[in-house]
C-alpha atoms as a PDB file:
ATOM      1  CA  MET A   1     140.982 109.873  97.674  1.00  0.00           C
ATOM      2  CA  LYS A   2     139.300 112.688 100.045  1.00  0.00           C
ATOM      3  CA  SER A   3     137.119 113.328  97.698  1.00  0.00           C
ATOM      4  CA  SER A   4     135.870 109.472  96.431  1.00  0.00           C
ATOM      5  CA  ALA A   5     135.563 108.934 100.539  1.00  0.00           C
ATOM      6  CA  HIS A   6     133.071 111.756 101.522  1.00  0.00           C
ATOM      7  CA  SER A   7     131.181 111.338  98.006  1.00  0.00           C
ATOM      8  CA  LEU A   8     130.388 107.487  99.381  1.00  0.00           C
ATOM      9  CA  PHE A   9     129.511 109.024 103.262  1.00  0.00           C
ATOM     10  CA  LEU A  10     127.340 111.241 100.918  1.00  0.00           C
ATOM     11  CA  CYS A  11     125.342 108.830  99.410  1.00  0.00           C
ATOM     12  CA  LEU A  12     125.114 106.140 102.576  1.00  0.00           C
ATOM     13  CA  ALA A  13     124.481 109.646 104.504  1.00  0.00           C
ATOM     14  CA  VAL A  14     121.101 109.412 101.836  1.00  0.00           C
ATOM     15  CA  LEU A  15     120.451 105.658 102.372  1.00  0.00           C
ATOM     16  CA  SER A  16     119.852 105.832 106.176  1.00  0.00           C
ATOM     17  CA  ALA A  17     118.267 108.957 106.204  1.00  0.00           C
ATOM     18  CA  GLY A  18     115.536 106.542 105.644  1.00  0.00           C
ATOM     19  CA  PHE A  19     113.413 109.082 103.382  1.00  0.00           C
ATOM     20  CA  PRO A  20     109.711 109.164 104.279  1.00  0.00           C
ATOM     21  CA  LEU A  21     107.304 107.055 101.951  1.00  0.00           C
ATOM     22  CA  HIS A  22     103.727 108.417 101.457  1.00  0.00           C
ATOM     23  CA  ALA A  23     102.749 110.819  98.562  1.00  0.00           C
ATOM     24  CA  ALA A  24     104.945 114.474  98.508  1.00  0.00           C
ATOM     25  CA  GLU A  25     102.314 116.205 100.553  1.00  0.00           C
ATOM     26  CA  THR A  26     101.719 113.462 104.221  1.00  0.00           C
ATOM     27  CA  THR A  27     104.274 114.543 106.237  1.00  0.00           C
ATOM     28  CA  ALA A  28     107.294 112.682 107.146  1.00  0.00           C
ATOM     29  CA  PRO A  29     106.821 110.220 108.723  1.00  0.00           C
ATOM     30  CA  THR A  30     110.743 109.824 111.607  1.00  0.00           C
ATOM     31  CA  THR A  31     111.389 106.218 109.797  1.00  0.00           C
ATOM     32  CA  ALA A  32     111.011 104.864 106.582  1.00  0.00           C
ATOM     33  CA  PRO A  33     108.616 101.570 106.111  1.00  0.00           C
ATOM     34  CA  TYR A  34     111.022  99.501 104.452  1.00  0.00           C
ATOM     35  CA  LEU A  35     113.218  99.635 108.485  1.00  0.00           C
ATOM     36  CA  LEU A  36     110.598  99.156 110.378  1.00  0.00           C
ATOM     37  CA  ALA A  37     109.928  95.736 111.715  1.00  0.00           C
ATOM     38  CA  GLY A  38     107.293  92.872 109.950  1.00  0.00           C
ATOM     39  CA  ALA A  39     108.156  95.353 106.266  1.00  0.00           C
ATOM     40  CA  PRO A  40     107.943  93.010 103.053  1.00  0.00           C
ATOM     41  CA  SER A  41     110.833  92.110 100.636  1.00  0.00           C
ATOM     42  CA  PHE A  42     111.272  91.682  97.043  1.00  0.00           C
ATOM     43  CA  ASP A  43     111.520  87.870  96.139  1.00  0.00           C
ATOM     44  CA  GLN A  44     115.418  88.328  95.332  1.00  0.00           C
ATOM     45  CA  SER A  45     118.258  88.200  97.195  1.00  0.00           C
ATOM     46  CA  ILE A  46     120.616  90.665  96.056  1.00  0.00           C
ATOM     47  CA  SER A  47     122.892  88.502  94.667  1.00  0.00           C
ATOM     48  CA  GLN A  48     119.816  86.972  92.334  1.00  0.00           C
ATOM     49  CA  PHE A  49     119.761  90.642  91.426  1.00  0.00           C
ATOM     50  CA  ARG A  50     122.925  91.247  90.268  1.00  0.00           C
ATOM     51  CA  GLU A  51     122.980  88.986  88.416  1.00  0.00           C
ATOM     52  CA  ALA A  52     119.340  88.928  86.513  1.00  0.00           C
ATOM     53  CA  PHE A  53     120.525  92.999  87.009  1.00  0.00           C
ATOM     54  CA  ASN A  54     123.758  92.299  84.860  1.00  0.00           C
ATOM     55  CA  GLN A  55     123.157  89.756  82.376  1.00  0.00           C
ATOM     56  CA  ALA A  56     119.379  91.804  81.101  1.00  0.00           C
ATOM     57  CA  ASN A  57     121.868  94.831  80.692  1.00  0.00           C
ATOM     58  CA  PRO A  58     125.260  94.791  80.139  1.00  0.00           C
ATOM     59  CA  THR A  59     126.037  97.763  78.738  1.00  0.00           C
ATOM     60  CA  LEU A  60     125.716  98.826  82.611  1.00  0.00           C
ATOM     61  CA  PRO A  61     127.184  96.421  85.187  1.00  0.00           C
ATOM     62  CA  LEU A  62     126.949  96.307  88.861  1.00  0.00           C
ATOM     63  CA  ASP A  63     129.520  95.179  91.062  1.00  0.00           C
ATOM     64  CA  GLU A  64     129.339  93.084  94.025  1.00  0.00           C
ATOM     65  CA  PHE A  65     127.866  94.769  97.460  1.00  0.00           C
ATOM     66  CA  ARG A  66     130.014  95.672 100.127  1.00  0.00           C
ATOM     67  CA  ALA A  67     127.919  95.421 103.281  1.00  0.00           C
ATOM     68  CA  ILE A  68     128.054  98.915 105.309  1.00  0.00           C
ATOM     69  CA  ASP A  69     128.910  99.360 109.012  1.00  0.00           C
ATOM     70  CA  GLY A  70     125.906 101.468 110.149  1.00  0.00           C
ATOM     71  CA  SER A  71     124.884 102.131 113.809  1.00  0.00           C
ATOM     72  CA  ARG A  72     121.525 102.142 112.109  1.00  0.00           C
ATOM     73  CA  ASP A  73     120.921  98.309 110.949  1.00  0.00           C
ATOM     74  CA  THR A  74     119.069  96.526 113.088  1.00  0.00           C
ATOM     75  CA  PRO A  75     119.374  93.328 114.074  1.00  0.00           C
ATOM     76  CA  THR A  76     117.000  92.065 110.662  1.00  0.00           C
ATOM     77  CA  LEU A  77     118.370  94.573 108.187  1.00  0.00           C
ATOM     78  CA  THR A  78     121.992  94.984 105.833  1.00  0.00           C
ATOM     79  CA  ARG A  79     122.535  98.037 103.765  1.00  0.00           C
ATOM     80  CA  ALA A  80     124.851  97.553 101.670  1.00  0.00           C
ATOM     81  CA  ALA A  81     126.655  99.825  98.712  1.00  0.00           C
ATOM     82  CA  SER A  82     128.086  99.120  95.359  1.00  0.00           C
ATOM     83  CA  LYS A  83     130.345 102.413  93.768  1.00  0.00           C
ATOM     84  CA  ILE A  84     129.288 102.758  90.186  1.00  0.00           C
ATOM     85  CA  ASN A  85     132.272 105.328  89.676  1.00  0.00           C
ATOM     86  CA  GLU A  86     132.841 108.585  91.342  1.00  0.00           C
ATOM     87  CA  ASN A  87     129.735 110.222  91.242  1.00  0.00           C
ATOM     88  CA  LEU A  88     127.453 107.157  91.188  1.00  0.00           C
ATOM     89  CA  TYR A  89     126.478 103.692  93.551  1.00  0.00           C
ATOM     90  CA  ALA A  90     124.038 101.320  94.135  1.00  0.00           C
ATOM     91  CA  SER A  91     122.471 100.803  97.746  1.00  0.00           C
ATOM     92  CA  THR A  92     120.359  98.573  99.121  1.00  0.00           C
ATOM     93  CA  ALA A  93     118.816  97.059 102.257  1.00  0.00           C
ATOM     94  CA  LEU A  94     118.639  93.956 102.686  1.00  0.00           C
ATOM     95  CA  GLU A  95     116.783  91.646 104.922  1.00  0.00           C
ATOM     96  CA  ARG A  96     119.578  90.170 107.663  1.00  0.00           C
ATOM     97  CA  GLY A  97     120.418  86.212 107.057  1.00  0.00           C
ATOM     98  CA  THR A  98     118.301  86.098 103.671  1.00  0.00           C
ATOM     99  CA  LEU A  99     119.778  89.526 102.616  1.00  0.00           C
ATOM    100  CA  LYS A 100     116.532  90.017  99.990  1.00  0.00           C
ATOM    101  CA  ILE A 101     116.311  92.887  99.166  1.00  0.00           C
ATOM    102  CA  LYS A 102     114.231  95.725 100.864  1.00  0.00           C
ATOM    103  CA  SER A 103     115.225  98.801  98.963  1.00  0.00           C
ATOM    104  CA  MET A 104     116.516  98.930  96.046  1.00  0.00           C
ATOM    105  CA  GLN A 105     118.867 102.720  95.871  1.00  0.00           C
ATOM    106  CA  ILE A 106     120.659 104.162  93.011  1.00  0.00           C
ATOM    107  CA  THR A 107     122.797 107.629  93.693  1.00  0.00           C
ATOM    108  CA  TRP A 108     124.054 110.577  91.853  1.00  0.00           C
ATOM    109  CA  LEU A 109     125.836 112.919  92.574  1.00  0.00           C
ATOM    110  CA  PRO A 110     125.904 115.794  90.484  1.00  0.00           C
ATOM    111  CA  ILE A 111     129.546 117.374  88.679  1.00  0.00           C
ATOM    112  CA  GLN A 112     130.437 120.729  87.742  1.00  0.00           C
ATOM    113  CA  GLY A 113     131.679 120.880  84.630  1.00  0.00           C
ATOM    114  CA  PRO A 114     131.425 119.795  80.704  1.00  0.00           C
ATOM    115  CA  GLU A 115     130.733 115.809  82.082  1.00  0.00           C
ATOM    116  CA  GLN A 116     127.610 116.842  83.865  1.00  0.00           C
ATOM    117  CA  LYS A 117     125.916 116.101  81.121  1.00  0.00           C
ATOM    118  CA  ALA A 118     127.236 112.627  80.094  1.00  0.00           C
ATOM    119  CA  ALA A 119     126.898 112.289  84.191  1.00  0.00           C
ATOM    120  CA  LYS A 120     123.255 112.678  84.855  1.00  0.00           C
ATOM    121  CA  ALA A 121     122.974 110.757  80.882  1.00  0.00           C
ATOM    122  CA  LYS A 122     124.472 107.615  83.176  1.00  0.00           C
ATOM    123  CA  ALA A 123     122.839 107.670  86.068  1.00  0.00           C
ATOM    124  CA  LEU A 124     119.290 107.838  84.475  1.00  0.00           C
ATOM    125  CA  GLU A 125     120.206 105.015  82.843  1.00  0.00           C
ATOM    126  CA  TYR A 126     121.159 103.184  85.642  1.00  0.00           C
ATOM    127  CA  MET A 127     117.680 104.584  87.121  1.00  0.00           C
ATOM    128  CA  SER A 128     115.533 103.046  84.402  1.00  0.00           C
ATOM    129  CA  ALA A 129     116.381  99.626  84.102  1.00  0.00           C
ATOM    130  CA  VAL A 130     117.073  99.509  88.481  1.00  0.00           C
ATOM    131  CA  LEU A 131     112.961 100.539  87.919  1.00  0.00           C
ATOM    132  CA  GLN A 132     112.346  97.887  85.220  1.00  0.00           C
ATOM    133  CA  ALA A 133     114.370  95.163  86.469  1.00  0.00           C
ATOM    134  CA  PHE A 134     110.994  95.406  90.130  1.00  0.00           C
ATOM    135  CA  THR A 135     108.794  95.856  86.619  1.00  0.00           C
ATOM    136  CA  PRO A 136     110.013  93.343  83.751  1.00  0.00           C
ATOM    137  CA  ALA A 137     106.062  94.223  82.543  1.00  0.00           C
ATOM    138  CA  LEU A 138     107.372  97.465  81.629  1.00  0.00           C
ATOM    139  CA  THR A 139     109.940  97.477  77.668  1.00  0.00           C
ATOM    140  CA  LYS A 140     112.648 100.128  78.275  1.00  0.00           C
ATOM    141  CA  LYS A 141     110.752 102.719  76.790  1.00  0.00           C
ATOM    142  CA  GLN A 142     107.825 103.263  78.865  1.00  0.00           C
ATOM    143  CA  SER A 143     110.700 102.665  81.976  1.00  0.00           C
ATOM    144  CA  GLN A 144     112.667 106.093  81.063  1.00  0.00           C
ATOM    145  CA  GLN A 145     109.180 107.141  80.526  1.00  0.00           C
ATOM    146  CA  LYS A 146     107.972 106.339  83.513  1.00  0.00           C
ATOM    147  CA  LEU A 147     111.061 107.537  85.768  1.00  0.00           C
ATOM    148  CA  GLN A 148     110.699 111.005  84.006  1.00  0.00           C
ATOM    149  CA  LYS A 149     107.569 111.400  85.468  1.00  0.00           C
ATOM    150  CA  LEU A 150     108.721 110.602  88.663  1.00  0.00           C
ATOM    151  CA  LEU A 151     111.720 112.711  88.537  1.00  0.00           C
ATOM    152  CA  ALA A 152     109.350 115.251  87.505  1.00  0.00           C
ATOM    153  CA  ALA A 153     106.953 114.783  90.335  1.00  0.00           C
ATOM    154  CA  GLY A 154     109.610 114.086  92.396  1.00  0.00           C
ATOM    155  CA  LYS A 155     111.878 117.905  91.811  1.00  0.00           C
ATOM    156  CA  ASN A 156     112.873 120.178  94.360  1.00  0.00           C
ATOM    157  CA  LYS A 157     111.616 118.156  97.051  1.00  0.00           C
ATOM    158  CA  ARG A 158     113.939 115.772  99.695  1.00  0.00           C
ATOM    159  CA  TYR A 159     111.528 113.335  99.837  1.00  0.00           C
ATOM    160  CA  TYR A 160     108.471 112.501  96.236  1.00  0.00           C
ATOM    161  CA  ALA A 161     106.813 108.858  96.674  1.00  0.00           C
ATOM    162  CA  ASP A 162     104.345 107.330  93.692  1.00  0.00           C
ATOM    163  CA  THR A 163     102.960 103.263  94.764  1.00  0.00           C
ATOM    164  CA  GLU A 164     101.594 101.837  92.114  1.00  0.00           C
ATOM    165  CA  GLY A 165     100.638  97.928  93.119  1.00  0.00           C
ATOM    166  CA  ALA A 166     102.618  96.040  94.754  1.00  0.00           C
ATOM    167  CA  ILE A 167     106.080  98.945  94.125  1.00  0.00           C
ATOM    168  CA  ARG A 168     107.070 101.362  95.960  1.00  0.00           C
ATOM    169  CA  TYR A 169     108.646 104.238  93.793  1.00  0.00           C
ATOM    170  CA  VAL A 170     110.766 107.030  95.616  1.00  0.00           C
ATOM    171  CA  VAL A 171     112.793 109.849  94.624  1.00  0.00           C
ATOM    172  CA  ALA A 172     114.653 111.970  96.910  1.00  0.00           C
ATOM    173  CA  ASP A 173     116.306 115.798  95.355  1.00  0.00           C
ATOM    174  CA  ASN A 174     118.682 117.386  96.855  1.00  0.00           C
ATOM    175  CA  GLY A 175     119.357 119.530  94.370  1.00  0.00           C
ATOM    176  CA  GLU A 176     123.378 119.492  93.885  1.00  0.00           C
ATOM    177  CA  LYS A 177     124.330 116.860  96.937  1.00  0.00           C
ATOM    178  CA  GLY A 178     122.386 114.321  95.250  1.00  0.00           C
ATOM    179  CA  LEU A 179     119.408 112.411  94.365  1.00  0.00           C
ATOM    180  CA  THR A 180     118.425 109.096  94.745  1.00  0.00           C
ATOM    181  CA  PHE A 181     115.718 107.120  93.011  1.00  0.00           C
ATOM    182  CA  ALA A 182     114.332 104.143  94.883  1.00  0.00           C
ATOM    183  CA  VAL A 183     112.134 101.109  94.186  1.00  0.00           C
ATOM    184  CA  GLU A 184     110.723  99.219  97.537  1.00  0.00           C
ATOM    185  CA  PRO A 185     108.173  96.227  97.701  1.00  0.00           C
ATOM    186  CA  ILE A 186     104.821  97.576 100.070  1.00  0.00           C
ATOM    187  CA  LYS A 187     102.483  95.291 101.596  1.00  0.00           C
ATOM    188  CA  LEU A 188      98.986  94.544 100.256  1.00  0.00           C
ATOM    189  CA  ALA A 189      96.007  94.312 102.181  1.00  0.00           C
ATOM    190  CA  LEU A 190      93.450  91.995 101.230  1.00  0.00           C
ATOM    191  CA  SER A 191      89.599  93.460 101.895  1.00  0.00           C
ATOM    192  CA  ASP A 192      87.558  92.089 104.597  1.00  0.00           C
ATOM    193  CA  THR A 193      84.963  90.887 102.837  1.00  0.00           C
ATOM    194  CA  LEU A 194      87.924  89.032  99.837  1.00  0.00           C
ATOM    195  CA  GLY A 195      89.003  87.559 102.946  1.00  0.00           C
ATOM    196  CA  GLY A 196      86.117  86.232 104.035  1.00  0.00           C
ATOM    197  CA  ALA A 197      85.342  84.475 101.521  1.00  0.00           C
ATOM    198  CA  ASN A 198      88.268  82.563 101.642  1.00  0.00           C
END
């Protein structure tokens, strides 16, 4: 029980750390963009996401997300987590009230021993499935390839972010302390030219 509580604490610490979400070579902002006022959210509540995810991925179930009481929450943000197994967690930052997703994260806490390879493979399956859930135009194989590229680019980096369209993919690789993959929406700004044309 003690190691399980420690693992959950570590997962929540990674979630609360607020990754800097810019290209790896930029300076880390002190606050993660999804924590800022006016940060966008996906047009999907956590319960809608979980239902669709479980239907599309019957071998990768996500249990109900439970709210986490945290001093870092704001009047507009709620955090929640779902334990997948002893070394794998899903966590999310939600818009308070609507419970729409601002950030969806999968955190793997590495284990030593003969189960490590299978545990990491399961973590990668969940990460790839989350990536595909928010980028449905990608096939399962394309999602796996995209994830591998992101993880390779973020290897041994405390944070790495890649933006594609209206989505930001984030990798936080803390070595033996854990690996987190996140998907977040970003605000797209219309150019002045397009805005003036309307």
